Amino acid sequence: MSLHATPAYSSRITRPRRRSGLAALGLKRKTPSPSNPTPKQLSLSSEPSAYNDDQPPSLLTDLKLCDIPQTITSIHTHTFSPLPTSPSLSSTLTSRILNHRLRLPPFISLAHLHAISASATSVDREISLLVSTGVLRRVVIPHRAASGIGEGVVCVREWQRLIQENSEVPAELKEKYTTSLASPRSALDFAPKEREILLSTGFLTCDATAPNATYTLSLPNMGLYVKLVSDARSHLVKLVKQNAHGTMPLCDVAERWNGGVIEEGDVQAEGKKVRGEFQGVLPGRTKRWKRFYGMRVEWVVEECVGAGLVEVFETGSVGRGVRVV
């Protein structure tokens, strides 16, 4: 019986190892070490989508965020879309949208923070630390705990900016109010006339149902925020429920939220415009702009996930989907 020597079985015949591209360039391969773990990728928007309205990258994929104040600032940045560049909104609607956005308080619900964080426990722990040091301030809205909007946080510096920009509050009262904001455990010591000014401007509230009148620091226009977010969440859940199974791809949810508006720069829309054909619905005629002032669908989905109204899942075929809980 003859034996055949092949390179695979002979110890004297060796094949040189193939050098990698990094080795050919004289570079070392980087491997993650246990002391420097890679940041956890969050769930909602890990790939670019077609419905982001040319916004900055999604908050859920911005791995540079390392603390709660940065996260709160980014949530505010991603709340609304910029106004359309084309003359599709009337001057009256444009003015109403801008004024309503300016009047909204810098309040972020805890449900929203929990939805975009990797660990709700670590978020609560960091919030408690920042509240004790005077960086953040907790805000509780009575009778709204079940809806997920009843408790949230505000950056103290934003709160101080609001009181400083208000022209109806005297300068001495502004300093006194700012001092009370910086020390959360200090008792409120306002004169009756000062309380009257703060109550009229919305910076102070009173629980009239309590046996003894209890005064609490508050933010102006909190009712506008609660109504806007509640209506937006209800509308999104209604859109998802239009499907027979209460499930819909995220791209379809975004399309319905936008009202079927054709994006600016679309080639087909430009061709229809030249031919004088119907180009689609104008943004000024949709609920997104008339009722929700240009609120982004991604922000509403995050709010609904935090409130436990919907959940986001991987479909395996058409990207991410939204399901009513």
Protein backbone atom coordinates (compact mmCIF):
# COMPACT_ATOMS: atom_id res chain seq x y z
CA MET A 1 0.00 0.00 0.00
CA SER A 2 1.45 3.34 -1.05
CA LEU A 3 1.37 6.42 1.13
CA HIS A 4 0.87 9.90 -0.27
CA ALA A 5 2.45 12.82 1.55
CA THR A 6 0.39 15.99 1.36
CA PRO A 7 1.01 19.43 2.88
CA ALA A 8 -1.91 18.87 5.22
CA TYR A 9 -0.43 15.80 6.89
CA SER A 10 3.35 16.29 6.58
CA SER A 11 5.19 17.94 9.43
CA ARG A 12 8.04 19.03 7.14
CA ILE A 13 5.87 20.90 4.66
CA THR A 14 4.47 24.09 6.15
CA ARG A 15 2.48 26.94 4.66
CA PRO A 16 3.35 30.50 5.71
CA ARG A 17 0.66 32.18 7.76
CA ARG A 18 -1.31 34.85 6.00
CA ARG A 19 -0.65 38.30 7.41
CA SER A 20 -3.63 40.46 8.19
CA GLY A 21 -4.05 43.98 6.84
CA LEU A 22 -3.27 45.49 10.24
CA ALA A 23 -0.06 43.46 10.56
CA ALA A 24 1.07 44.49 7.08
CA LEU A 25 0.71 48.14 8.08
CA GLY A 26 2.51 47.59 11.37
CA LEU A 27 -0.60 48.20 13.47
CA LYS A 28 -1.87 46.26 16.46
CA ARG A 29 -5.35 44.87 16.74
CA LYS A 30 -7.40 46.59 19.46
CA THR A 31 -9.25 44.25 21.77
CA PRO A 32 -11.64 45.42 24.49
CA SER A 33 -10.32 44.91 27.99
CA PRO A 34 -12.44 44.09 31.05
CA SER A 35 -11.47 47.42 32.61
CA ASN A 36 -12.77 49.37 29.60
CA PRO A 37 -16.06 47.77 28.62
CA THR A 38 -17.72 48.91 25.45
CA PRO A 39 -20.87 51.01 25.98
CA LYS A 40 -24.13 49.20 25.70
CA GLN A 41 -26.08 49.82 22.50
CA LEU A 42 -29.64 50.83 23.22
CA SER A 43 -32.59 49.54 21.37
CA LEU A 44 -34.79 51.93 19.46
CA SER A 45 -32.79 53.46 16.63
CA SER A 46 -29.46 51.73 16.05
CA GLU A 47 -29.47 52.27 12.29
CA PRO A 48 -30.23 55.37 10.24
CA SER A 49 -33.86 55.75 9.30
CA ALA A 50 -35.71 57.58 6.58
CA TYR A 51 -37.99 59.51 8.89
CA ASN A 52 -35.50 61.49 10.96
CA ASP A 53 -36.23 64.81 9.19
CA ASP A 54 -32.50 65.54 8.87
CA GLN A 55 -32.27 65.69 12.65
CA PRO A 56 -29.09 65.02 14.64
CA PRO A 57 -28.35 61.33 15.37
CA SER A 58 -30.89 59.60 17.55
CA LEU A 59 -30.52 60.08 21.27
CA LEU A 60 -30.62 56.32 21.78
CA THR A 61 -27.50 55.77 19.67
CA ASP A 62 -25.49 58.75 20.93
CA LEU A 63 -22.93 56.94 23.04
CA LYS A 64 -21.25 60.20 24.08
CA LEU A 65 -23.94 60.89 26.65
CA CYS A 66 -22.52 60.06 30.05
CA ASP A 67 -24.71 61.80 32.60
CA ILE A 68 -28.27 62.85 33.24
CA PRO A 69 -27.91 66.60 32.48
CA GLN A 70 -26.51 65.79 29.03
CA THR A 71 -29.32 63.34 28.43
CA ILE A 72 -31.96 65.89 29.44
CA THR A 73 -30.46 68.47 27.08
CA SER A 74 -30.43 65.97 24.22
CA ILE A 75 -34.05 64.99 24.86
CA HIS A 76 -35.05 68.64 24.50
CA THR A 77 -32.99 68.92 21.31
CA HIS A 78 -34.74 65.93 19.75
CA THR A 79 -38.30 66.86 20.70
CA PHE A 80 -39.31 68.87 17.62
CA SER A 81 -38.32 68.93 13.97
CA PRO A 82 -37.11 72.15 12.34
CA LEU A 83 -39.65 74.12 10.37
CA PRO A 84 -39.93 73.14 6.68
CA THR A 85 -37.85 75.27 4.35
CA SER A 86 -40.53 75.27 1.66
CA PRO A 87 -43.40 77.76 2.10
CA SER A 88 -45.84 75.07 3.23
CA LEU A 89 -46.79 76.61 6.59
CA SER A 90 -48.76 79.80 6.87
CA SER A 91 -47.28 82.70 8.80
CA THR A 92 -50.00 82.36 11.43
CA LEU A 93 -49.28 78.66 11.98
CA THR A 94 -45.53 79.27 12.02
CA SER A 95 -45.91 81.93 14.69
CA ARG A 96 -48.18 79.69 16.77
CA ILE A 97 -45.72 76.79 16.53
CA LEU A 98 -42.72 78.86 17.59
CA ASN A 99 -44.57 80.54 20.45
CA HIS A 100 -45.88 77.22 21.78
CA ARG A 101 -42.41 75.68 21.69
CA LEU A 102 -40.96 78.61 23.63
CA ARG A 103 -43.65 78.40 26.29
CA LEU A 104 -43.06 74.72 27.10
CA PRO A 105 -41.20 74.14 30.39
CA PRO A 106 -37.84 72.30 30.43
CA PHE A 107 -39.43 69.28 32.11
CA ILE A 108 -38.51 65.66 31.35
CA SER A 109 -40.51 62.77 32.75
CA LEU A 110 -38.77 59.96 34.59
CA ALA A 111 -40.54 57.51 32.29
CA HIS A 112 -38.74 59.01 29.30
CA LEU A 113 -35.36 58.82 31.03
CA HIS A 114 -35.97 55.19 31.98
CA ALA A 115 -36.96 54.33 28.40
CA ILE A 116 -33.67 55.46 26.87
CA SER A 117 -31.36 54.28 29.64
CA ALA A 118 -29.70 50.92 30.03
CA SER A 119 -30.53 50.72 33.74
CA ALA A 120 -33.39 52.50 35.48
CA THR A 121 -31.75 51.85 38.85
CA SER A 122 -28.55 53.67 37.91
CA VAL A 123 -30.61 56.57 36.54
CA ASP A 124 -32.56 56.91 39.79
CA ARG A 125 -29.35 56.71 41.80
CA GLU A 126 -27.68 59.45 39.76
CA ILE A 127 -30.80 61.63 39.91
CA SER A 128 -30.87 61.35 43.70
CA LEU A 129 -27.23 62.41 43.86
CA LEU A 130 -27.77 65.38 41.54
CA VAL A 131 -30.87 66.49 43.44
CA SER A 132 -28.96 66.46 46.73
CA THR A 133 -26.19 68.59 45.20
CA GLY A 134 -28.62 71.12 43.69
CA VAL A 135 -28.00 70.30 40.01
CA LEU A 136 -31.46 68.84 39.37
CA ARG A 137 -34.86 69.39 40.89
CA ARG A 138 -37.66 66.83 41.10
CA VAL A 139 -41.12 67.95 39.99
CA VAL A 140 -44.26 66.03 40.94
CA ILE A 141 -47.57 66.73 39.20
CA PRO A 142 -50.54 65.72 41.38
CA HIS A 143 -52.98 63.11 40.07
CA ARG A 144 -50.73 62.22 37.12
CA ALA A 145 -48.63 59.40 38.56
CA ALA A 146 -50.54 56.64 36.76
CA SER A 147 -49.99 58.21 33.34
CA GLY A 148 -46.19 58.30 33.65
CA ILE A 149 -46.05 62.10 33.31
CA GLY A 150 -46.60 62.86 36.97
CA GLU A 151 -42.95 62.85 38.04
CA GLY A 152 -39.90 64.25 36.33
CA VAL A 153 -36.77 66.32 36.68
CA VAL A 154 -35.61 69.77 35.63
CA CYS A 155 -32.12 71.22 35.44
CA VAL A 156 -31.84 73.93 38.08
CA ARG A 157 -29.94 76.22 35.72
CA GLU A 158 -32.84 76.10 33.21
CA TRP A 159 -35.31 76.84 35.99
CA GLN A 160 -33.18 79.78 37.11
CA ARG A 161 -33.03 81.03 33.53
CA LEU A 162 -36.84 81.09 33.36
CA ILE A 163 -37.19 83.13 36.54
CA GLN A 164 -34.44 85.55 35.44
CA GLU A 165 -36.08 86.13 32.04
CA ASN A 166 -39.49 86.86 33.55
CA SER A 167 -40.13 90.60 33.57
CA GLU A 168 -43.03 90.44 36.05
CA VAL A 169 -40.87 89.24 38.95
CA PRO A 170 -38.82 91.89 40.82
CA ALA A 171 -35.05 91.51 40.96
CA GLU A 172 -34.96 90.95 44.74
CA LEU A 173 -37.57 88.22 44.50
CA LYS A 174 -35.62 86.59 41.67
CA GLU A 175 -32.54 86.30 43.89
CA LYS A 176 -34.62 84.90 46.73
CA TYR A 177 -36.30 82.38 44.46
CA THR A 178 -32.98 81.33 42.91
CA THR A 179 -31.56 80.68 46.38
CA SER A 180 -34.53 78.45 47.22
CA LEU A 181 -33.95 76.47 44.02
CA ALA A 182 -30.29 75.84 44.80
CA SER A 183 -31.08 74.47 48.28
CA PRO A 184 -33.90 71.92 47.93
CA ARG A 185 -34.24 71.28 51.68
CA SER A 186 -34.64 74.90 52.69
CA ALA A 187 -38.07 76.11 53.77
CA LEU A 188 -39.94 78.55 51.54
CA ASP A 189 -39.98 81.93 53.24
CA PHE A 190 -41.90 84.31 50.98
CA ALA A 191 -43.93 87.30 52.07
CA PRO A 192 -47.65 87.36 51.17
CA LYS A 193 -47.05 89.87 48.38
CA GLU A 194 -44.16 87.79 47.02
CA ARG A 195 -46.31 84.66 47.07
CA GLU A 196 -48.99 86.51 45.14
CA ILE A 197 -46.50 87.48 42.42
CA LEU A 198 -45.08 83.97 42.15
CA LEU A 199 -48.55 82.41 42.06
CA SER A 200 -49.66 84.72 39.24
CA THR A 201 -46.56 83.97 37.17
CA GLY A 202 -46.72 80.21 37.72
CA PHE A 203 -43.51 79.82 39.72
CA LEU A 204 -45.38 78.84 42.88
CA THR A 205 -48.36 76.60 43.49
CA CYS A 206 -50.59 75.98 46.47
CA ASP A 207 -52.48 72.85 47.48
CA ALA A 208 -55.86 74.31 48.39
CA THR A 209 -57.26 70.91 49.44
CA ALA A 210 -54.76 70.50 52.29
CA PRO A 211 -55.81 71.58 55.81
CA ASN A 212 -52.86 73.96 55.93
CA ALA A 213 -52.00 75.75 52.70
CA THR A 214 -48.80 74.15 51.38
CA TYR A 215 -46.76 76.15 48.89
CA THR A 216 -44.48 74.41 46.40
CA LEU A 217 -42.12 75.70 43.75
CA SER A 218 -43.47 75.04 40.27
CA LEU A 219 -42.77 75.64 36.59
CA PRO A 220 -44.98 77.87 34.45
CA ASN A 221 -47.11 76.31 31.70
CA MET A 222 -46.91 72.75 33.02
CA GLY A 223 -50.49 72.27 31.84
CA LEU A 224 -49.39 72.88 28.24
CA TYR A 225 -46.73 70.20 28.54
CA VAL A 226 -49.06 67.63 30.10
CA LYS A 227 -51.77 68.17 27.48
CA LEU A 228 -49.33 68.06 24.55
CA VAL A 229 -47.59 64.87 25.67
CA SER A 230 -50.85 63.14 26.65
CA ASP A 231 -52.46 63.93 23.29
CA ALA A 232 -49.35 62.86 21.37
CA ARG A 233 -49.15 59.52 23.18
CA SER A 234 -52.85 58.82 22.67
CA HIS A 235 -52.57 59.65 18.97
CA LEU A 236 -49.58 57.35 18.47
CA VAL A 237 -51.30 54.44 20.23
CA LYS A 238 -54.38 55.06 18.07
CA LEU A 239 -52.27 54.90 14.91
CA VAL A 240 -50.73 51.57 15.93
CA LYS A 241 -54.13 50.15 16.86
CA GLN A 242 -55.39 50.82 13.34
CA ASN A 243 -53.63 47.60 12.40
CA ALA A 244 -55.74 44.54 13.11
CA HIS A 245 -53.09 43.01 15.39
CA GLY A 246 -52.01 46.22 17.12
CA THR A 247 -48.56 45.88 15.58
CA MET A 248 -46.92 48.01 12.91
CA PRO A 249 -43.42 48.54 11.49
CA LEU A 250 -41.75 51.62 12.86
CA CYS A 251 -41.37 53.12 9.39
CA ASP A 252 -45.14 52.82 8.82
CA VAL A 253 -45.84 54.45 12.17
CA ALA A 254 -43.57 57.33 11.18
CA GLU A 255 -45.28 57.69 7.81
CA ARG A 256 -48.73 57.87 9.39
CA TRP A 257 -47.51 60.23 12.09
CA ASN A 258 -46.12 62.56 9.41
CA GLY A 259 -49.47 62.47 7.61
CA GLY A 260 -48.12 61.16 4.32
CA VAL A 261 -46.10 64.31 3.68
CA ILE A 262 -43.54 63.92 0.91
CA GLU A 263 -40.05 64.78 2.08
CA GLU A 264 -38.36 67.83 0.65
CA GLY A 265 -36.01 67.10 -2.24
CA ASP A 266 -37.93 64.01 -3.38
CA VAL A 267 -37.32 63.45 -7.11
CA GLN A 268 -40.84 62.23 -7.84
CA ALA A 269 -42.34 65.20 -6.00
CA GLU A 270 -40.23 67.61 -8.05
CA GLY A 271 -41.39 65.94 -11.26
CA LYS A 272 -45.03 66.20 -10.21
CA LYS A 273 -44.49 69.85 -9.35
CA VAL A 274 -43.18 70.57 -12.84
CA ARG A 275 -46.12 68.75 -14.44
CA GLY A 276 -48.61 70.50 -12.17
CA GLU A 277 -49.80 67.24 -10.58
CA PHE A 278 -50.80 66.52 -6.97
CA GLN A 279 -47.65 66.40 -4.84
CA GLY A 280 -49.11 65.11 -1.60
CA VAL A 281 -50.37 66.67 1.61
CA LEU A 282 -48.77 69.91 2.76
CA PRO A 283 -47.25 69.82 6.28
CA GLY A 284 -49.52 72.64 7.42
CA ARG A 285 -52.58 70.43 6.93
CA THR A 286 -51.38 67.54 9.10
CA LYS A 287 -51.97 66.93 12.80
CA ARG A 288 -48.25 66.71 13.37
CA TRP A 289 -47.87 70.44 12.74
CA LYS A 290 -51.32 71.82 13.54
CA ARG A 291 -51.83 69.90 16.78
CA PHE A 292 -48.40 68.68 17.88
CA TYR A 293 -46.27 71.59 16.60
CA GLY A 294 -43.82 69.42 14.65
CA MET A 295 -43.10 66.85 17.36
CA ARG A 296 -40.91 64.00 16.15
CA VAL A 297 -42.35 60.50 16.08
CA GLU A 298 -39.18 59.05 17.60
CA TRP A 299 -39.58 61.24 20.68
CA VAL A 300 -43.21 60.16 21.11
CA VAL A 301 -42.27 56.48 20.77
CA GLU A 302 -39.67 56.90 23.52
CA GLU A 303 -42.28 58.53 25.73
CA CYS A 304 -44.78 55.74 25.08
CA VAL A 305 -42.18 53.05 25.77
CA GLY A 306 -41.36 54.66 29.11
CA ALA A 307 -45.04 54.88 30.04
CA GLY A 308 -45.58 51.20 29.17
CA LEU A 309 -48.07 51.91 26.36
CA VAL A 310 -46.06 50.32 23.54
CA GLU A 311 -42.95 48.24 23.10
CA VAL A 312 -40.36 48.18 20.33
CA PHE A 313 -39.18 44.83 18.94
CA GLU A 314 -37.16 43.40 16.06
CA THR A 315 -39.34 42.02 13.27
CA GLY A 316 -36.49 40.18 11.55
CA SER A 317 -37.67 41.25 8.09
CA VAL A 318 -38.73 44.90 7.96
CA GLY A 319 -36.64 46.39 10.75
CA ARG A 320 -38.14 47.41 14.06
CA GLY A 321 -41.79 47.27 14.92
CA VAL A 322 -44.08 48.85 17.48
CA ARG A 323 -46.60 46.81 19.44
CA VAL A 324 -49.35 48.05 21.73
CA VAL A 325 -48.95 46.55 25.19
